[in-house]
PDB file of N, CA and C in Angstrom:
ATOM      1  N   MET A   1       2.949  -6.407 -19.881  1.00  0.00           N
ATOM      2  CA  MET A   1       4.291  -5.753 -19.194  1.00  0.00           C
ATOM      3  C   MET A   1       4.195  -4.354 -18.951  1.00  0.00           C
ATOM      4  N   ASP A   2       4.603  -3.763 -17.604  1.00  0.00           N
ATOM      5  CA  ASP A   2       4.621  -2.485 -17.716  1.00  0.00           C
ATOM      6  C   ASP A   2       5.446  -1.610 -18.497  1.00  0.00           C
ATOM      7  N   GLN A   3       5.139  -0.143 -19.011  1.00  0.00           N
ATOM      8  CA  GLN A   3       5.861   0.309 -19.800  1.00  0.00           C
ATOM      9  C   GLN A   3       6.972   0.787 -19.010  1.00  0.00           C
ATOM     10  N   PRO A   4       8.136   1.175 -19.072  1.00  0.00           N
ATOM     11  CA  PRO A   4       9.349   1.856 -18.244  1.00  0.00           C
ATOM     12  C   PRO A   4       8.955   3.374 -18.024  1.00  0.00           C
ATOM     13  N   ASN A   5       9.110   3.851 -16.957  1.00  0.00           N
ATOM     14  CA  ASN A   5       8.790   5.264 -16.712  1.00  0.00           C
ATOM     15  C   ASN A   5      10.215   5.908 -16.523  1.00  0.00           C
ATOM     16  N   ASP A   6      10.191   6.900 -17.622  1.00  0.00           N
ATOM     17  CA  ASP A   6      11.547   7.411 -17.960  1.00  0.00           C
ATOM     18  C   ASP A   6      11.211   9.065 -18.073  1.00  0.00           C
ATOM     19  N   ILE A   7      12.168   9.801 -17.603  1.00  0.00           N
ATOM     20  CA  ILE A   7      11.923  11.210 -17.571  1.00  0.00           C
ATOM     21  C   ILE A   7      13.177  12.019 -18.267  1.00  0.00           C
ATOM     22  N   ILE A   8      12.784  12.442 -19.476  1.00  0.00           N
ATOM     23  CA  ILE A   8      13.665  13.563 -19.878  1.00  0.00           C
ATOM     24  C   ILE A   8      13.342  14.862 -19.711  1.00  0.00           C
ATOM     25  N   LEU A   9      14.312  15.486 -19.086  1.00  0.00           N
ATOM     26  CA  LEU A   9      14.442  17.115 -18.500  1.00  0.00           C
ATOM     27  C   LEU A   9      15.063  17.935 -19.535  1.00  0.00           C
ATOM     28  N   ARG A  10      14.691  18.815 -20.572  1.00  0.00           N
ATOM     29  CA  ARG A  10      15.557  19.637 -21.123  1.00  0.00           C
ATOM     30  C   ARG A  10      15.598  21.216 -20.805  1.00  0.00           C
ATOM     31  N   GLU A  11      16.530  21.526 -19.939  1.00  0.00           N
ATOM     32  CA  GLU A  11      16.888  22.883 -19.783  1.00  0.00           C
ATOM     33  C   GLU A  11      15.898  23.366 -18.867  1.00  0.00           C
ATOM     34  N   ARG A  12      15.265  22.672 -18.211  1.00  0.00           N
ATOM     35  CA  ARG A  12      13.976  22.912 -16.983  1.00  0.00           C
ATOM     36  C   ARG A  12      13.006  23.500 -17.842  1.00  0.00           C
ATOM     37  N   ARG A  13      12.812  23.339 -19.285  1.00  0.00           N
ATOM     38  CA  ARG A  13      11.675  24.148 -19.897  1.00  0.00           C
ATOM     39  C   ARG A  13      10.693  22.871 -20.342  1.00  0.00           C
ATOM     40  N   GLU A  14      11.270  21.626 -20.450  1.00  0.00           N
ATOM     41  CA  GLU A  14      10.401  20.707 -21.328  1.00  0.00           C
ATOM     42  C   GLU A  14      10.725  19.522 -20.773  1.00  0.00           C
ATOM     43  N   ALA A  15       9.621  18.763 -20.245  1.00  0.00           N
ATOM     44  CA  ALA A  15       9.493  17.135 -19.847  1.00  0.00           C
ATOM     45  C   ALA A  15       8.744  16.539 -20.732  1.00  0.00           C
ATOM     46  N   VAL A  16       9.633  15.216 -20.691  1.00  0.00           N
ATOM     47  CA  VAL A  16       8.991  14.330 -21.867  1.00  0.00           C
ATOM     48  C   VAL A  16       9.005  12.893 -20.851  1.00  0.00           C
ATOM     49  N   ILE A  17       7.594  12.431 -20.540  1.00  0.00           N
ATOM     50  CA  ILE A  17       7.583  11.329 -19.355  1.00  0.00           C
ATOM     51  C   ILE A  17       7.226  10.105 -19.914  1.00  0.00           C
ATOM     52  N   SER A  18       7.715   9.172 -19.904  1.00  0.00           N
ATOM     53  CA  SER A  18       6.797   7.631 -20.463  1.00  0.00           C
ATOM     54  C   SER A  18       6.493   6.741 -19.062  1.00  0.00           C
ATOM     55  N   GLY A  19       5.759   6.152 -19.728  1.00  0.00           N
ATOM     56  CA  GLY A  19       5.110   5.013 -18.804  1.00  0.00           C
ATOM     57  C   GLY A  19       3.777   5.722 -17.988  1.00  0.00           C
ATOM     58  N   VAL A  20       3.421   6.753 -18.614  1.00  0.00           N
ATOM     59  CA  VAL A  20       2.074   7.486 -18.061  1.00  0.00           C
ATOM     60  C   VAL A  20       0.973   6.719 -18.426  1.00  0.00           C
ATOM     61  N   LEU A  21       0.353   6.392 -17.034  1.00  0.00           N
ATOM     62  CA  LEU A  21      -1.071   5.638 -17.373  1.00  0.00           C
ATOM     63  C   LEU A  21      -2.272   7.196 -17.160  1.00  0.00           C
ATOM     64  N   ASP A  22      -2.147   8.113 -16.676  1.00  0.00           N
ATOM     65  CA  ASP A  22      -2.988   9.066 -16.760  1.00  0.00           C
ATOM     66  C   ASP A  22      -2.633  10.455 -15.974  1.00  0.00           C
ATOM     67  N   VAL A  23      -3.286  11.617 -16.147  1.00  0.00           N
ATOM     68  CA  VAL A  23      -3.185  12.862 -15.615  1.00  0.00           C
ATOM     69  C   VAL A  23      -4.346  12.945 -14.605  1.00  0.00           C
ATOM     70  N   LEU A  24      -3.548  13.071 -13.214  1.00  0.00           N
ATOM     71  CA  LEU A  24      -4.517  13.084 -12.250  1.00  0.00           C
ATOM     72  C   LEU A  24      -5.099  14.465 -12.074  1.00  0.00           C
ATOM     73  N   SER A  25      -4.316  15.558 -12.131  1.00  0.00           N
ATOM     74  CA  SER A  25      -4.766  16.545 -11.909  1.00  0.00           C
ATOM     75  C   SER A  25      -3.993  17.592 -12.535  1.00  0.00           C
ATOM     76  N   PHE A  26      -4.273  19.311 -13.249  1.00  0.00           N
ATOM     77  CA  PHE A  26      -2.883  19.655 -13.331  1.00  0.00           C
ATOM     78  C   PHE A  26      -3.621  21.551 -13.514  1.00  0.00           C
ATOM     79  N   ASP A  27      -2.628  22.125 -13.082  1.00  0.00           N
ATOM     80  CA  ASP A  27      -2.886  23.662 -13.618  1.00  0.00           C
ATOM     81  C   ASP A  27      -1.379  24.265 -13.947  1.00  0.00           C
ATOM     82  N   ASP A  28      -1.370  25.317 -14.175  1.00  0.00           N
ATOM     83  CA  ASP A  28      -0.041  26.043 -14.680  1.00  0.00           C
ATOM     84  C   ASP A  28       0.850  26.090 -13.659  1.00  0.00           C
ATOM     85  N   GLN A  29       0.808  25.529 -12.166  1.00  0.00           N
ATOM     86  CA  GLN A  29       1.708  25.654 -11.297  1.00  0.00           C
ATOM     87  C   GLN A  29       2.153  24.065 -11.051  1.00  0.00           C
ATOM     88  N   GLN A  30       1.022  23.009 -11.090  1.00  0.00           N
ATOM     89  CA  GLN A  30       1.400  21.575 -10.750  1.00  0.00           C
ATOM     90  C   GLN A  30       0.703  20.821 -11.528  1.00  0.00           C
ATOM     91  N   ILE A  31       1.527  19.573 -12.145  1.00  0.00           N
ATOM     92  CA  ILE A  31       0.789  18.443 -12.660  1.00  0.00           C
ATOM     93  C   ILE A  31       1.240  17.290 -12.117  1.00  0.00           C
ATOM     94  N   GLU A  32      -0.053  16.507 -11.722  1.00  0.00           N
ATOM     95  CA  GLU A  32       0.301  15.133 -10.990  1.00  0.00           C
ATOM     96  C   GLU A  32      -0.144  13.905 -12.350  1.00  0.00           C
ATOM     97  N   ALA A  33       0.537  13.028 -12.186  1.00  0.00           N
ATOM     98  CA  ALA A  33       0.659  11.922 -13.198  1.00  0.00           C
ATOM     99  C   ALA A  33       0.362  10.800 -12.571  1.00  0.00           C
ATOM    100  N   GLU A  34      -0.374   9.563 -12.791  1.00  0.00           N
ATOM    101  CA  GLU A  34      -0.004   8.527 -12.513  1.00  0.00           C
ATOM    102  C   GLU A  34       0.945   7.366 -13.220  1.00  0.00           C
ATOM    103  N   THR A  35       2.159   6.938 -12.963  1.00  0.00           N
ATOM    104  CA  THR A  35       2.942   6.409 -13.866  1.00  0.00           C
ATOM    105  C   THR A  35       3.030   5.289 -13.384  1.00  0.00           C
ATOM    106  N   THR A  36       3.572   4.326 -14.489  1.00  0.00           N
ATOM    107  CA  THR A  36       4.173   2.926 -13.838  1.00  0.00           C
ATOM    108  C   THR A  36       5.174   2.964 -12.645  1.00  0.00           C
ATOM    109  N   GLY A  37       5.903   4.223 -12.230  1.00  0.00           N
ATOM    110  CA  GLY A  37       6.657   4.099 -11.657  1.00  0.00           C
ATOM    111  C   GLY A  37       6.060   4.617 -10.192  1.00  0.00           C
ATOM    112  N   GLY A  38       4.639   5.182 -10.181  1.00  0.00           N
ATOM    113  CA  GLY A  38       3.963   5.748  -9.152  1.00  0.00           C
ATOM    114  C   GLY A  38       3.397   7.097  -9.557  1.00  0.00           C
ATOM    115  N   SER A  39       2.992   7.786  -8.252  1.00  0.00           N
ATOM    116  CA  SER A  39       2.464   9.059  -8.605  1.00  0.00           C
ATOM    117  C   SER A  39       3.528  10.181  -8.673  1.00  0.00           C
ATOM    118  N   LEU A  40       3.828  10.929  -9.916  1.00  0.00           N
ATOM    119  CA  LEU A  40       4.740  12.022 -10.044  1.00  0.00           C
ATOM    120  C   LEU A  40       4.022  13.352 -10.043  1.00  0.00           C
ATOM    121  N   ILE A  41       4.769  14.083  -9.281  1.00  0.00           N
ATOM    122  CA  ILE A  41       4.205  15.646  -9.352  1.00  0.00           C
ATOM    123  C   ILE A  41       5.416  16.302  -9.677  1.00  0.00           C
ATOM    124  N   LEU A  42       4.937  17.334 -11.019  1.00  0.00           N
ATOM    125  CA  LEU A  42       5.577  18.300 -11.382  1.00  0.00           C
ATOM    126  C   LEU A  42       5.340  19.544 -10.942  1.00  0.00           C
ATOM    127  N   GLN A  43       6.162  20.447 -10.563  1.00  0.00           N
ATOM    128  CA  GLN A  43       5.829  21.824  -9.828  1.00  0.00           C
ATOM    129  C   GLN A  43       6.912  22.774 -10.604  1.00  0.00           C
ATOM    130  N   GLY A  44       6.131  23.910 -10.797  1.00  0.00           N
ATOM    131  CA  GLY A  44       7.154  24.916 -11.625  1.00  0.00           C
ATOM    132  C   GLY A  44       6.071  26.376 -11.658  1.00  0.00           C
ATOM    133  N   GLY A  45       6.046  26.715 -13.239  1.00  0.00           N
ATOM    134  CA  GLY A  45       5.358  27.922 -13.452  1.00  0.00           C
ATOM    135  C   GLY A  45       5.055  27.638 -14.949  1.00  0.00           C
ATOM    136  N   GLU A  46       3.879  28.627 -15.528  1.00  0.00           N
ATOM    137  CA  GLU A  46       3.661  28.250 -16.505  1.00  0.00           C
ATOM    138  C   GLU A  46       3.737  27.021 -17.309  1.00  0.00           C
ATOM    139  N   LEU A  47       3.266  25.807 -16.634  1.00  0.00           N
ATOM    140  CA  LEU A  47       3.180  24.593 -16.974  1.00  0.00           C
ATOM    141  C   LEU A  47       2.293  24.514 -18.228  1.00  0.00           C
ATOM    142  N   HIS A  48       2.300  23.292 -18.936  1.00  0.00           N
ATOM    143  CA  HIS A  48       1.285  23.304 -20.002  1.00  0.00           C
ATOM    144  C   HIS A  48       1.391  22.020 -20.407  1.00  0.00           C
ATOM    145  N   ILE A  49       0.404  21.207 -20.821  1.00  0.00           N
ATOM    146  CA  ILE A  49       0.838  19.724 -21.328  1.00  0.00           C
ATOM    147  C   ILE A  49       0.632  19.912 -22.495  1.00  0.00           C
ATOM    148  N   ASP A  50       1.347  19.933 -23.246  1.00  0.00           N
ATOM    149  CA  ASP A  50       1.584  19.739 -24.853  1.00  0.00           C
ATOM    150  C   ASP A  50       1.402  18.574 -25.369  1.00  0.00           C
ATOM    151  N   GLU A  51       1.452  17.349 -24.536  1.00  0.00           N
ATOM    152  CA  GLU A  51       0.760  16.231 -25.360  1.00  0.00           C
ATOM    153  C   GLU A  51       0.439  15.192 -24.318  1.00  0.00           C
ATOM    154  N   LEU A  52      -0.568  14.534 -24.227  1.00  0.00           N
ATOM    155  CA  LEU A  52      -0.867  13.189 -23.523  1.00  0.00           C
ATOM    156  C   LEU A  52      -1.216  12.295 -24.592  1.00  0.00           C
ATOM    157  N   ASP A  53      -0.390  10.872 -24.591  1.00  0.00           N
ATOM    158  CA  ASP A  53      -1.072  10.061 -25.024  1.00  0.00           C
ATOM    159  C   ASP A  53      -0.954   8.726 -24.650  1.00  0.00           C
ATOM    160  N   LYS A  54      -2.240   8.148 -23.983  1.00  0.00           N
ATOM    161  CA  LYS A  54      -2.310   7.396 -23.220  1.00  0.00           C
ATOM    162  C   LYS A  54      -2.539   6.059 -23.561  1.00  0.00           C
ATOM    163  N   GLU A  55      -2.261   5.765 -25.321  1.00  0.00           N
ATOM    164  CA  GLU A  55      -2.043   4.642 -25.549  1.00  0.00           C
ATOM    165  C   GLU A  55      -0.483   4.107 -25.621  1.00  0.00           C
ATOM    166  N   LYS A  56      -0.049   5.314 -25.736  1.00  0.00           N
ATOM    167  CA  LYS A  56       1.620   4.936 -25.969  1.00  0.00           C
ATOM    168  C   LYS A  56       2.562   5.280 -24.481  1.00  0.00           C
ATOM    169  N   GLY A  57       1.471   6.106 -23.640  1.00  0.00           N
ATOM    170  CA  GLY A  57       2.202   6.103 -22.088  1.00  0.00           C
ATOM    171  C   GLY A  57       3.162   7.057 -22.201  1.00  0.00           C
ATOM    172  N   SER A  58       2.927   7.883 -22.951  1.00  0.00           N
ATOM    173  CA  SER A  58       3.812   9.437 -22.830  1.00  0.00           C
ATOM    174  C   SER A  58       3.095  10.858 -22.608  1.00  0.00           C
ATOM    175  N   LEU A  59       3.904  11.617 -22.184  1.00  0.00           N
ATOM    176  CA  LEU A  59       3.363  12.830 -21.525  1.00  0.00           C
ATOM    177  C   LEU A  59       4.560  13.790 -22.178  1.00  0.00           C
ATOM    178  N   ARG A  60       4.104  15.157 -22.881  1.00  0.00           N
ATOM    179  CA  ARG A  60       5.059  16.054 -22.813  1.00  0.00           C
ATOM    180  C   ARG A  60       4.698  17.453 -22.497  1.00  0.00           C
ATOM    181  N   VAL A  61       5.354  18.236 -21.263  1.00  0.00           N
ATOM    182  CA  VAL A  61       4.902  19.120 -20.813  1.00  0.00           C
ATOM    183  C   VAL A  61       6.498  20.424 -21.002  1.00  0.00           C
ATOM    184  N   SER A  62       5.723  21.910 -20.996  1.00  0.00           N
ATOM    185  CA  SER A  62       6.300  22.916 -21.196  1.00  0.00           C
ATOM    186  C   SER A  62       6.235  23.602 -20.232  1.00  0.00           C
ATOM    187  N   GLY A  63       6.910  24.541 -19.726  1.00  0.00           N
ATOM    188  CA  GLY A  63       6.901  25.673 -19.028  1.00  0.00           C
ATOM    189  C   GLY A  63       8.283  25.684 -18.099  1.00  0.00           C
ATOM    190  N   ARG A  64       8.493  26.259 -16.824  1.00  0.00           N
ATOM    191  CA  ARG A  64       9.506  26.119 -15.977  1.00  0.00           C
ATOM    192  C   ARG A  64       9.215  25.089 -14.801  1.00  0.00           C
ATOM    193  N   VAL A  65       9.990  24.046 -15.111  1.00  0.00           N
ATOM    194  CA  VAL A  65       9.931  22.842 -13.987  1.00  0.00           C
ATOM    195  C   VAL A  65      10.952  23.227 -12.841  1.00  0.00           C
ATOM    196  N   ASP A  66      10.325  23.352 -12.040  1.00  0.00           N
ATOM    197  CA  ASP A  66      11.285  23.774 -10.790  1.00  0.00           C
ATOM    198  C   ASP A  66      11.716  22.375  -9.855  1.00  0.00           C
ATOM    199  N   ARG A  67      10.378  21.736  -9.910  1.00  0.00           N
ATOM    200  CA  ARG A  67      10.669  20.383  -9.148  1.00  0.00           C
ATOM    201  C   ARG A  67       9.808  19.079  -9.603  1.00  0.00           C
ATOM    202  N   LEU A  68      10.591  18.033  -9.440  1.00  0.00           N
ATOM    203  CA  LEU A  68      10.025  16.507  -9.854  1.00  0.00           C
ATOM    204  C   LEU A  68       9.657  15.550  -8.371  1.00  0.00           C
ATOM    205  N   ALA A  69       8.673  14.798  -8.131  1.00  0.00           N
ATOM    206  CA  ALA A  69       8.806  14.250  -7.077  1.00  0.00           C
ATOM    207  C   ALA A  69       7.909  13.291  -7.413  1.00  0.00           C
ATOM    208  N   TYR A  70       8.219  11.739  -6.785  1.00  0.00           N
ATOM    209  CA  TYR A  70       7.253  10.573  -6.644  1.00  0.00           C
ATOM    210  C   TYR A  70       6.707  11.101  -5.258  1.00  0.00           C
ATOM    211  N   VAL A  71       5.674  10.533  -5.030  1.00  0.00           N
ATOM    212  CA  VAL A  71       4.833  10.611  -3.892  1.00  0.00           C
ATOM    213  C   VAL A  71       4.001   9.505  -3.688  1.00  0.00           C
ATOM    214  N   GLU A  72       4.072   9.050  -2.431  1.00  0.00           N
ATOM    215  CA  GLU A  72       3.135   7.982  -1.968  1.00  0.00           C
ATOM    216  C   GLU A  72       2.157   7.982  -1.726  1.00  0.00           C
ATOM    217  N   PRO A  73       1.099   7.308  -2.259  1.00  0.00           N
ATOM    218  CA  PRO A  73      -0.231   7.233  -2.034  1.00  0.00           C
ATOM    219  C   PRO A  73      -0.622   7.496  -0.760  1.00  0.00           C
ATOM    220  N   LYS A  74      -1.596   8.479  -0.473  1.00  0.00           N
ATOM    221  CA  LYS A  74      -2.020   8.718   1.063  1.00  0.00           C
ATOM    222  C   LYS A  74      -2.927   7.253   1.195  1.00  0.00           C
ATOM    223  N   LYS A  75      -2.577   6.857   2.614  1.00  0.00           N
ATOM    224  CA  LYS A  75      -3.496   5.469   3.304  1.00  0.00           C
ATOM    225  C   LYS A  75      -4.828   6.356   3.706  1.00  0.00           C
ATOM    226  N   LYS A  76      -5.605   5.097   3.248  1.00  0.00           N
ATOM    227  CA  LYS A  76      -6.888   5.752   3.592  1.00  0.00           C
ATOM    228  C   LYS A  76      -6.940   5.391   5.322  1.00  0.00           C
ATOM    229  N   LYS A  77      -7.878   5.932   6.006  1.00  0.00           N
ATOM    230  CA  LYS A  77      -8.104   6.031   7.401  1.00  0.00           C
ATOM    231  C   LYS A  77      -9.500   4.731   7.636  1.00  0.00           C
ATOM    232  N   GLY A  78      -9.071   4.278   8.294  1.00  0.00           N
ATOM    233  CA  GLY A  78     -10.469   3.416   8.567  1.00  0.00           C
ATOM    234  C   GLY A  78     -10.016   2.383   9.410  1.00  0.00           C
ATOM    235  N   PHE A  79     -11.119   1.594   9.839  1.00  0.00           N
ATOM    236  CA  PHE A  79     -10.991   0.714  11.184  1.00  0.00           C
ATOM    237  C   PHE A  79      -9.879  -0.335  10.704  1.00  0.00           C
ATOM    238  N   SER A  80      -9.277  -0.818  11.613  1.00  0.00           N
ATOM    239  CA  SER A  80      -8.246  -1.788  11.321  1.00  0.00           C
ATOM    240  C   SER A  80      -8.432  -2.692  12.389  1.00  0.00           C
ATOM    241  N   LEU A  81      -8.743  -4.022  12.206  1.00  0.00           N
ATOM    242  CA  LEU A  81      -8.557  -5.141  12.895  1.00  0.00           C
ATOM    243  C   LEU A  81      -7.778  -5.364  13.895  1.00  0.00           C
ATOM    244  N   TRP A  82      -6.307  -5.209  13.130  1.00  0.00           N
ATOM    245  CA  TRP A  82      -5.137  -5.387  14.025  1.00  0.00           C
ATOM    246  C   TRP A  82      -4.838  -4.208  14.823  1.00  0.00           C
ATOM    247  N   GLU A  83      -5.277  -3.147  14.537  1.00  0.00           N
ATOM    248  CA  GLU A  83      -5.111  -1.739  15.396  1.00  0.00           C
ATOM    249  C   GLU A  83      -5.774  -2.146  16.308  1.00  0.00           C
ATOM    250  N   ALA A  84      -7.279  -2.495  16.478  1.00  0.00           N
ATOM    251  CA  ALA A  84      -8.111  -2.678  17.519  1.00  0.00           C
ATOM    252  C   ALA A  84      -7.865  -3.609  18.699  1.00  0.00           C
ATOM    253  N   LEU A  85      -7.268  -5.002  17.717  1.00  0.00           N
ATOM    254  CA  LEU A  85      -6.995  -6.311  18.612  1.00  0.00           C
ATOM    255  C   LEU A  85      -5.541  -5.873  19.584  1.00  0.00           C
ATOM    256  N   LYS A  86      -4.395  -4.626  19.128  1.00  0.00           N
ATOM    257  CA  LYS A  86      -3.400  -4.297  19.985  1.00  0.00           C
ATOM    258  C   LYS A  86      -3.457  -3.514  20.837  1.00  0.00           C
ATOM    259  N   LYS A  87      -5.016  -3.084  20.902  1.00  0.00           N
ATOM    260  CA  LYS A  87      -5.012  -2.286  22.393  1.00  0.00           C
ATOM    261  C   LYS A  87      -5.550  -3.079  23.394  1.00  0.00           C
TER     262      LYS A  87
END
C-alpha cells in the first residue's frame, strides 16, 4: 500500500513531506522529489535537505519556500504506430 503524500509548510521556512520515494535533484534553489502523489518541485532560496528517510518516506526541508508544484512526467518522444497509421 502506498503511503499518503502529505505536505506541512511552516511559515514558508520549513516543509515536512510524507510519501517521498526519492529525491531526484536538488540545489539551494530547487528540490525535485518523487512522491506517491507524483513528482514534486519545491522552489525558493537557501533550501537545505535537513532529513531524508526513504524507509519512512519522509523529507524535511528548510529555507525560503516560494513555490510548491506537482509536475507531470515528460512524455518520451518516439515512434508511435497509432500516429503513423493516422497519417
